[in-house]
Amino acid sequence: MKKIGYIIVLVLIAVAAVVFFTVKKHPMASLPSSKKLSAKEQALLKYPYQLQFKECKGYAALIPKPTLILKQGDQLMLDNQDGKARSFAFKDQSILVAANGFGIMEIKDKGKSSVLCDGAVAATLIVK
């Protein structure tokens, strides 16, 4: 009976070791502790809702002109990947984002509306 108990413990340890060494971690989680994350890298980890903009075209999950569905109170990261500052607007909010920088907008109003980049429609948000 003791022998079976030892075998079960050994099997459980082996399974735990396999799981530990094969589970993929977020790429940022495996950075050496000496590497400091930039503000943009920290924001990418912090904000789950993100829109990237290149030449004032919005992208999310590599889909051009995305439609994101958010909840009232969510925060949206606007990632300007251009070499010049861009002005973004959503309903009555606007933000100027530096070249290759980012900004955060809190989603306040319910409904469907466009995100404008320098005055042109770049993406659509639906707020529930």
N, C-alpha and C. Protein backbone atom coordinates (compact mmCIF):
# COMPACT_ATOMS: atom_id res chain seq x y z
N MET A 1 0.83 -1.20 0.00
CA MET A 1 0.00 0.00 0.00
C MET A 1 0.86 1.25 0.00
N LYS A 2 1.95 1.23 0.82
CA LYS A 2 2.86 2.38 0.86
C LYS A 2 3.50 2.60 -0.50
N LYS A 3 3.82 1.50 -1.18
CA LYS A 3 4.47 1.57 -2.48
C LYS A 3 3.59 2.29 -3.50
N ILE A 4 2.30 2.01 -3.48
CA ILE A 4 1.35 2.67 -4.39
C ILE A 4 1.29 4.17 -4.09
N GLY A 5 1.30 4.53 -2.82
CA GLY A 5 1.29 5.94 -2.43
C GLY A 5 2.51 6.68 -2.95
N TYR A 6 3.69 6.05 -2.84
CA TYR A 6 4.93 6.65 -3.36
C TYR A 6 4.87 6.81 -4.88
N ILE A 7 4.33 5.82 -5.55
CA ILE A 7 4.22 5.89 -7.01
C ILE A 7 3.29 7.04 -7.41
N ILE A 8 2.17 7.18 -6.71
CA ILE A 8 1.23 8.26 -7.01
C ILE A 8 1.89 9.62 -6.80
N VAL A 9 2.63 9.77 -5.72
CA VAL A 9 3.33 11.04 -5.45
C VAL A 9 4.34 11.33 -6.55
N LEU A 10 5.10 10.34 -6.98
CA LEU A 10 6.09 10.52 -8.03
C LEU A 10 5.43 10.91 -9.36
N VAL A 11 4.30 10.28 -9.67
CA VAL A 11 3.57 10.62 -10.90
C VAL A 11 3.07 12.06 -10.83
N LEU A 12 2.53 12.47 -9.70
CA LEU A 12 2.05 13.84 -9.55
C LEU A 12 3.18 14.85 -9.69
N ILE A 13 4.34 14.55 -9.14
CA ILE A 13 5.50 15.45 -9.26
C ILE A 13 5.93 15.54 -10.72
N ALA A 14 5.95 14.42 -11.42
CA ALA A 14 6.34 14.40 -12.83
C ALA A 14 5.37 15.22 -13.67
N VAL A 15 4.07 15.05 -13.42
CA VAL A 15 3.06 15.82 -14.16
C VAL A 15 3.22 17.31 -13.88
N ALA A 16 3.43 17.68 -12.63
CA ALA A 16 3.62 19.09 -12.28
C ALA A 16 4.84 19.67 -12.98
N ALA A 17 5.92 18.90 -13.06
CA ALA A 17 7.14 19.36 -13.72
C ALA A 17 6.89 19.57 -15.21
N VAL A 18 6.19 18.65 -15.85
CA VAL A 18 5.89 18.79 -17.28
C VAL A 18 5.04 20.03 -17.53
N VAL A 19 4.01 20.24 -16.73
CA VAL A 19 3.14 21.41 -16.89
C VAL A 19 3.94 22.68 -16.67
N PHE A 20 4.76 22.72 -15.64
CA PHE A 20 5.54 23.92 -15.33
C PHE A 20 6.46 24.31 -16.47
N PHE A 21 7.11 23.34 -17.09
CA PHE A 21 8.09 23.64 -18.13
C PHE A 21 7.50 23.77 -19.52
N THR A 22 6.24 23.42 -19.72
CA THR A 22 5.66 23.52 -21.07
C THR A 22 4.63 24.63 -21.21
N VAL A 23 4.11 25.18 -20.13
CA VAL A 23 3.13 26.25 -20.22
C VAL A 23 3.83 27.51 -20.73
N LYS A 24 3.26 28.11 -21.79
CA LYS A 24 3.86 29.32 -22.36
C LYS A 24 3.51 30.51 -21.49
N LYS A 25 4.49 31.36 -21.31
CA LYS A 25 4.29 32.58 -20.54
C LYS A 25 4.24 33.76 -21.51
N HIS A 26 3.66 34.85 -21.06
CA HIS A 26 3.62 36.07 -21.86
C HIS A 26 5.06 36.46 -22.16
N PRO A 27 5.37 36.86 -23.43
CA PRO A 27 6.76 37.17 -23.77
C PRO A 27 7.39 38.23 -22.89
N MET A 28 6.61 39.19 -22.42
CA MET A 28 7.15 40.24 -21.57
C MET A 28 7.49 39.70 -20.18
N ALA A 29 6.82 38.60 -19.77
CA ALA A 29 7.05 38.05 -18.45
C ALA A 29 8.42 37.38 -18.34
N SER A 30 9.02 37.01 -19.47
CA SER A 30 10.29 36.31 -19.43
C SER A 30 11.49 37.24 -19.63
N LEU A 31 11.26 38.54 -19.61
CA LEU A 31 12.36 39.49 -19.75
C LEU A 31 13.26 39.43 -18.53
N PRO A 32 14.55 39.62 -18.72
CA PRO A 32 15.43 39.66 -17.54
C PRO A 32 15.00 40.77 -16.60
N SER A 33 15.15 40.53 -15.32
CA SER A 33 14.68 41.51 -14.34
C SER A 33 15.45 42.82 -14.44
N SER A 34 16.65 42.78 -15.05
CA SER A 34 17.44 44.01 -15.18
C SER A 34 16.90 44.92 -16.28
N LYS A 35 16.07 44.39 -17.21
CA LYS A 35 15.52 45.19 -18.30
C LYS A 35 14.33 45.98 -17.79
N LYS A 36 14.42 47.28 -17.93
CA LYS A 36 13.30 48.14 -17.55
C LYS A 36 12.34 48.23 -18.73
N LEU A 37 11.05 48.09 -18.47
CA LEU A 37 10.05 48.23 -19.52
C LEU A 37 9.81 49.71 -19.79
N SER A 38 9.65 50.04 -21.05
CA SER A 38 9.31 51.42 -21.40
C SER A 38 7.86 51.68 -20.99
N ALA A 39 7.49 52.92 -20.96
CA ALA A 39 6.10 53.28 -20.61
C ALA A 39 5.13 52.63 -21.58
N LYS A 40 5.50 52.58 -22.87
CA LYS A 40 4.62 51.98 -23.88
C LYS A 40 4.50 50.47 -23.64
N GLU A 41 5.59 49.79 -23.31
CA GLU A 41 5.54 48.36 -23.03
C GLU A 41 4.68 48.08 -21.80
N GLN A 42 4.79 48.92 -20.78
CA GLN A 42 3.96 48.76 -19.58
C GLN A 42 2.49 48.94 -19.92
N ALA A 43 2.18 49.94 -20.76
CA ALA A 43 0.79 50.20 -21.15
C ALA A 43 0.23 49.03 -21.96
N LEU A 44 1.05 48.45 -22.84
CA LEU A 44 0.60 47.30 -23.63
C LEU A 44 0.21 46.13 -22.72
N LEU A 45 0.89 45.98 -21.61
CA LEU A 45 0.54 44.93 -20.65
C LEU A 45 -0.68 45.29 -19.81
N LYS A 46 -0.83 46.57 -19.52
CA LYS A 46 -1.88 47.03 -18.60
C LYS A 46 -3.26 47.13 -19.25
N TYR A 47 -3.33 47.62 -20.49
CA TYR A 47 -4.62 47.91 -21.12
C TYR A 47 -5.00 46.82 -22.12
N PRO A 48 -6.07 46.07 -21.85
CA PRO A 48 -6.45 44.98 -22.76
C PRO A 48 -7.08 45.49 -24.06
N TYR A 49 -7.65 46.69 -24.05
CA TYR A 49 -8.26 47.24 -25.26
C TYR A 49 -7.29 48.22 -25.89
N GLN A 50 -6.87 47.88 -27.12
CA GLN A 50 -5.85 48.68 -27.80
C GLN A 50 -6.21 48.85 -29.27
N LEU A 51 -5.94 50.03 -29.78
CA LEU A 51 -6.01 50.27 -31.21
C LEU A 51 -4.66 50.81 -31.64
N GLN A 52 -4.09 50.22 -32.66
CA GLN A 52 -2.85 50.72 -33.22
C GLN A 52 -3.20 51.52 -34.47
N PHE A 53 -2.49 52.62 -34.68
CA PHE A 53 -2.75 53.47 -35.84
C PHE A 53 -1.47 53.67 -36.63
N LYS A 54 -1.55 53.37 -37.92
CA LYS A 54 -0.45 53.60 -38.85
C LYS A 54 -1.04 54.38 -40.01
N GLU A 55 -0.48 55.56 -40.28
CA GLU A 55 -1.00 56.46 -41.31
C GLU A 55 -2.50 56.71 -41.11
N CYS A 56 -2.88 56.89 -39.86
CA CYS A 56 -4.26 57.17 -39.45
C CYS A 56 -5.25 56.07 -39.83
N LYS A 57 -4.79 54.86 -39.95
CA LYS A 57 -5.68 53.71 -40.15
C LYS A 57 -5.61 52.87 -38.89
N GLY A 58 -6.77 52.56 -38.33
CA GLY A 58 -6.83 51.80 -37.09
C GLY A 58 -6.73 50.31 -37.32
N TYR A 59 -6.00 49.64 -36.43
CA TYR A 59 -5.84 48.19 -36.50
C TYR A 59 -5.99 47.59 -35.11
N ALA A 60 -6.65 46.44 -35.07
CA ALA A 60 -6.73 45.63 -33.86
C ALA A 60 -6.72 44.19 -34.33
N ALA A 61 -5.84 43.40 -33.81
CA ALA A 61 -5.70 41.99 -34.22
C ALA A 61 -5.51 41.90 -35.73
N LEU A 62 -4.76 42.83 -36.29
CA LEU A 62 -4.40 42.86 -37.71
C LEU A 62 -5.59 43.02 -38.65
N ILE A 63 -6.70 43.51 -38.14
CA ILE A 63 -7.88 43.74 -38.98
C ILE A 63 -8.00 45.24 -39.22
N PRO A 64 -7.90 45.71 -40.46
CA PRO A 64 -8.02 47.15 -40.71
C PRO A 64 -9.43 47.65 -40.40
N LYS A 65 -9.50 48.91 -40.02
CA LYS A 65 -10.75 49.57 -39.64
C LYS A 65 -11.60 48.69 -38.73
N PRO A 66 -11.07 48.40 -37.55
CA PRO A 66 -11.76 47.47 -36.65
C PRO A 66 -12.99 48.08 -36.00
N THR A 67 -13.85 47.20 -35.56
CA THR A 67 -14.96 47.58 -34.70
C THR A 67 -14.73 46.87 -33.38
N LEU A 68 -14.53 47.65 -32.34
CA LEU A 68 -14.34 47.08 -31.01
C LEU A 68 -15.61 47.26 -30.20
N ILE A 69 -15.93 46.26 -29.39
CA ILE A 69 -17.07 46.35 -28.49
C ILE A 69 -16.52 46.48 -27.08
N LEU A 70 -16.87 47.59 -26.44
CA LEU A 70 -16.38 47.90 -25.10
C LEU A 70 -17.56 48.15 -24.17
N LYS A 71 -17.24 48.25 -22.89
CA LYS A 71 -18.24 48.62 -21.89
C LYS A 71 -17.97 50.04 -21.41
N GLN A 72 -19.01 50.69 -20.99
CA GLN A 72 -18.87 52.02 -20.41
C GLN A 72 -17.90 51.94 -19.23
N GLY A 73 -16.90 52.83 -19.20
CA GLY A 73 -15.91 52.84 -18.14
C GLY A 73 -14.60 52.15 -18.51
N ASP A 74 -14.59 51.37 -19.61
CA ASP A 74 -13.35 50.73 -20.06
C ASP A 74 -12.36 51.80 -20.51
N GLN A 75 -11.09 51.45 -20.51
CA GLN A 75 -10.06 52.35 -21.00
C GLN A 75 -9.47 51.77 -22.27
N LEU A 76 -9.22 52.64 -23.23
CA LEU A 76 -8.72 52.24 -24.54
C LEU A 76 -7.36 52.88 -24.77
N MET A 77 -6.40 52.03 -25.13
CA MET A 77 -5.06 52.53 -25.46
C MET A 77 -5.01 52.84 -26.95
N LEU A 78 -4.61 54.06 -27.28
CA LEU A 78 -4.41 54.47 -28.67
C LEU A 78 -2.91 54.50 -28.93
N ASP A 79 -2.46 53.64 -29.81
CA ASP A 79 -1.03 53.46 -30.09
C ASP A 79 -0.70 54.09 -31.43
N ASN A 80 -0.09 55.27 -31.41
CA ASN A 80 0.29 55.98 -32.63
C ASN A 80 1.64 55.44 -33.12
N GLN A 81 1.63 54.73 -34.22
CA GLN A 81 2.86 54.14 -34.74
C GLN A 81 3.49 54.98 -35.85
N ASP A 82 3.02 56.21 -36.00
CA ASP A 82 3.56 57.11 -37.02
C ASP A 82 4.69 57.96 -36.45
N GLY A 83 5.49 58.49 -37.33
CA GLY A 83 6.61 59.34 -36.95
C GLY A 83 6.22 60.78 -36.71
N LYS A 84 4.91 61.06 -36.63
CA LYS A 84 4.46 62.41 -36.29
C LYS A 84 3.25 62.33 -35.36
N ALA A 85 3.03 63.39 -34.61
CA ALA A 85 1.92 63.44 -33.66
C ALA A 85 0.59 63.35 -34.41
N ARG A 86 -0.38 62.74 -33.78
CA ARG A 86 -1.72 62.60 -34.37
C ARG A 86 -2.77 63.02 -33.33
N SER A 87 -3.87 63.58 -33.85
CA SER A 87 -4.99 63.97 -33.01
C SER A 87 -6.09 62.92 -33.15
N PHE A 88 -6.54 62.37 -32.03
CA PHE A 88 -7.59 61.36 -32.03
C PHE A 88 -8.82 61.92 -31.31
N ALA A 89 -10.00 61.55 -31.82
CA ALA A 89 -11.24 62.01 -31.21
C ALA A 89 -12.25 60.87 -31.20
N PHE A 90 -13.02 60.83 -30.11
CA PHE A 90 -14.12 59.87 -29.96
C PHE A 90 -15.23 60.59 -29.22
N LYS A 91 -16.37 60.78 -29.90
CA LYS A 91 -17.49 61.55 -29.36
C LYS A 91 -16.99 62.92 -28.91
N ASP A 92 -17.12 63.27 -27.63
CA ASP A 92 -16.71 64.61 -27.18
C ASP A 92 -15.30 64.64 -26.60
N GLN A 93 -14.56 63.55 -26.74
CA GLN A 93 -13.20 63.49 -26.20
C GLN A 93 -12.18 63.61 -27.33
N SER A 94 -11.07 64.23 -27.02
CA SER A 94 -9.98 64.28 -27.99
C SER A 94 -8.65 64.21 -27.25
N ILE A 95 -7.64 63.71 -27.96
CA ILE A 95 -6.33 63.56 -27.36
C ILE A 95 -5.28 63.70 -28.46
N LEU A 96 -4.19 64.36 -28.14
CA LEU A 96 -3.07 64.48 -29.06
C LEU A 96 -2.02 63.47 -28.61
N VAL A 97 -1.64 62.58 -29.51
CA VAL A 97 -0.67 61.53 -29.18
C VAL A 97 0.62 61.81 -29.94
N ALA A 98 1.71 61.85 -29.20
CA ALA A 98 3.02 62.14 -29.78
C ALA A 98 3.43 61.09 -30.81
N ALA A 99 4.39 61.44 -31.65
CA ALA A 99 4.93 60.51 -32.63
C ALA A 99 5.42 59.25 -31.93
N ASN A 100 5.01 58.09 -32.43
CA ASN A 100 5.38 56.79 -31.86
C ASN A 100 5.02 56.68 -30.38
N GLY A 101 4.01 57.42 -29.97
CA GLY A 101 3.58 57.41 -28.57
C GLY A 101 2.23 56.74 -28.41
N PHE A 102 1.67 56.93 -27.23
CA PHE A 102 0.36 56.35 -26.95
C PHE A 102 -0.42 57.28 -26.04
N GLY A 103 -1.73 57.09 -26.03
CA GLY A 103 -2.61 57.83 -25.14
C GLY A 103 -3.72 56.89 -24.67
N ILE A 104 -4.36 57.27 -23.58
CA ILE A 104 -5.43 56.46 -22.99
C ILE A 104 -6.71 57.28 -22.97
N MET A 105 -7.79 56.70 -23.45
CA MET A 105 -9.12 57.33 -23.39
C MET A 105 -10.02 56.47 -22.52
N GLU A 106 -10.75 57.10 -21.63
CA GLU A 106 -11.77 56.38 -20.88
C GLU A 106 -13.07 56.46 -21.67
N ILE A 107 -13.70 55.34 -21.87
CA ILE A 107 -14.93 55.27 -22.65
C ILE A 107 -16.10 55.62 -21.74
N LYS A 108 -16.76 56.74 -22.03
CA LYS A 108 -17.78 57.26 -21.12
C LYS A 108 -19.21 57.02 -21.60
N ASP A 109 -19.46 57.23 -22.89
CA ASP A 109 -20.84 57.22 -23.39
C ASP A 109 -21.16 55.94 -24.15
N LYS A 110 -22.39 55.46 -23.95
CA LYS A 110 -22.86 54.28 -24.67
C LYS A 110 -23.20 54.64 -26.11
N GLY A 111 -23.17 53.61 -26.97
CA GLY A 111 -23.56 53.81 -28.36
C GLY A 111 -22.43 53.48 -29.32
N LYS A 112 -22.72 53.67 -30.59
CA LYS A 112 -21.75 53.38 -31.65
C LYS A 112 -21.22 54.70 -32.18
N SER A 113 -19.90 54.78 -32.33
CA SER A 113 -19.30 56.01 -32.83
C SER A 113 -17.94 55.71 -33.44
N SER A 114 -17.50 56.62 -34.28
CA SER A 114 -16.20 56.46 -34.94
C SER A 114 -15.09 57.06 -34.11
N VAL A 115 -13.91 56.48 -34.23
CA VAL A 115 -12.69 57.08 -33.71
C VAL A 115 -12.06 57.81 -34.89
N LEU A 116 -11.82 59.10 -34.70
CA LEU A 116 -11.22 59.91 -35.75
C LEU A 116 -9.73 60.08 -35.51
N CYS A 117 -8.97 60.03 -36.59
CA CYS A 117 -7.54 60.31 -36.54
C CYS A 117 -7.30 61.47 -37.49
N ASP A 118 -6.87 62.59 -36.93
CA ASP A 118 -6.69 63.81 -37.72
C ASP A 118 -7.93 64.14 -38.55
N GLY A 119 -9.11 63.88 -37.96
CA GLY A 119 -10.39 64.23 -38.58
C GLY A 119 -10.98 63.19 -39.50
N ALA A 120 -10.27 62.11 -39.79
CA ALA A 120 -10.78 61.06 -40.68
C ALA A 120 -11.16 59.82 -39.86
N VAL A 121 -12.20 59.12 -40.30
CA VAL A 121 -12.65 57.91 -39.61
C VAL A 121 -11.56 56.85 -39.71
N ALA A 122 -11.15 56.31 -38.55
CA ALA A 122 -10.07 55.33 -38.51
C ALA A 122 -10.51 54.01 -37.89
N ALA A 123 -11.56 54.03 -37.07
CA ALA A 123 -12.06 52.81 -36.42
C ALA A 123 -13.45 53.11 -35.87
N THR A 124 -14.15 52.06 -35.46
CA THR A 124 -15.49 52.19 -34.89
C THR A 124 -15.51 51.52 -33.52
N LEU A 125 -16.15 52.19 -32.57
CA LEU A 125 -16.33 51.62 -31.24
C LEU A 125 -17.82 51.46 -30.97
N ILE A 126 -18.18 50.35 -30.38
CA ILE A 126 -19.53 50.13 -29.88
C ILE A 126 -19.42 50.00 -28.38
N VAL A 127 -20.10 50.89 -27.67
CA VAL A 127 -20.02 50.91 -26.21
C VAL A 127 -21.36 50.46 -25.66
N LYS A 128 -21.32 49.41 -24.87
CA LYS A 128 -22.55 48.84 -24.29
C LYS A 128 -22.75 49.35 -22.88
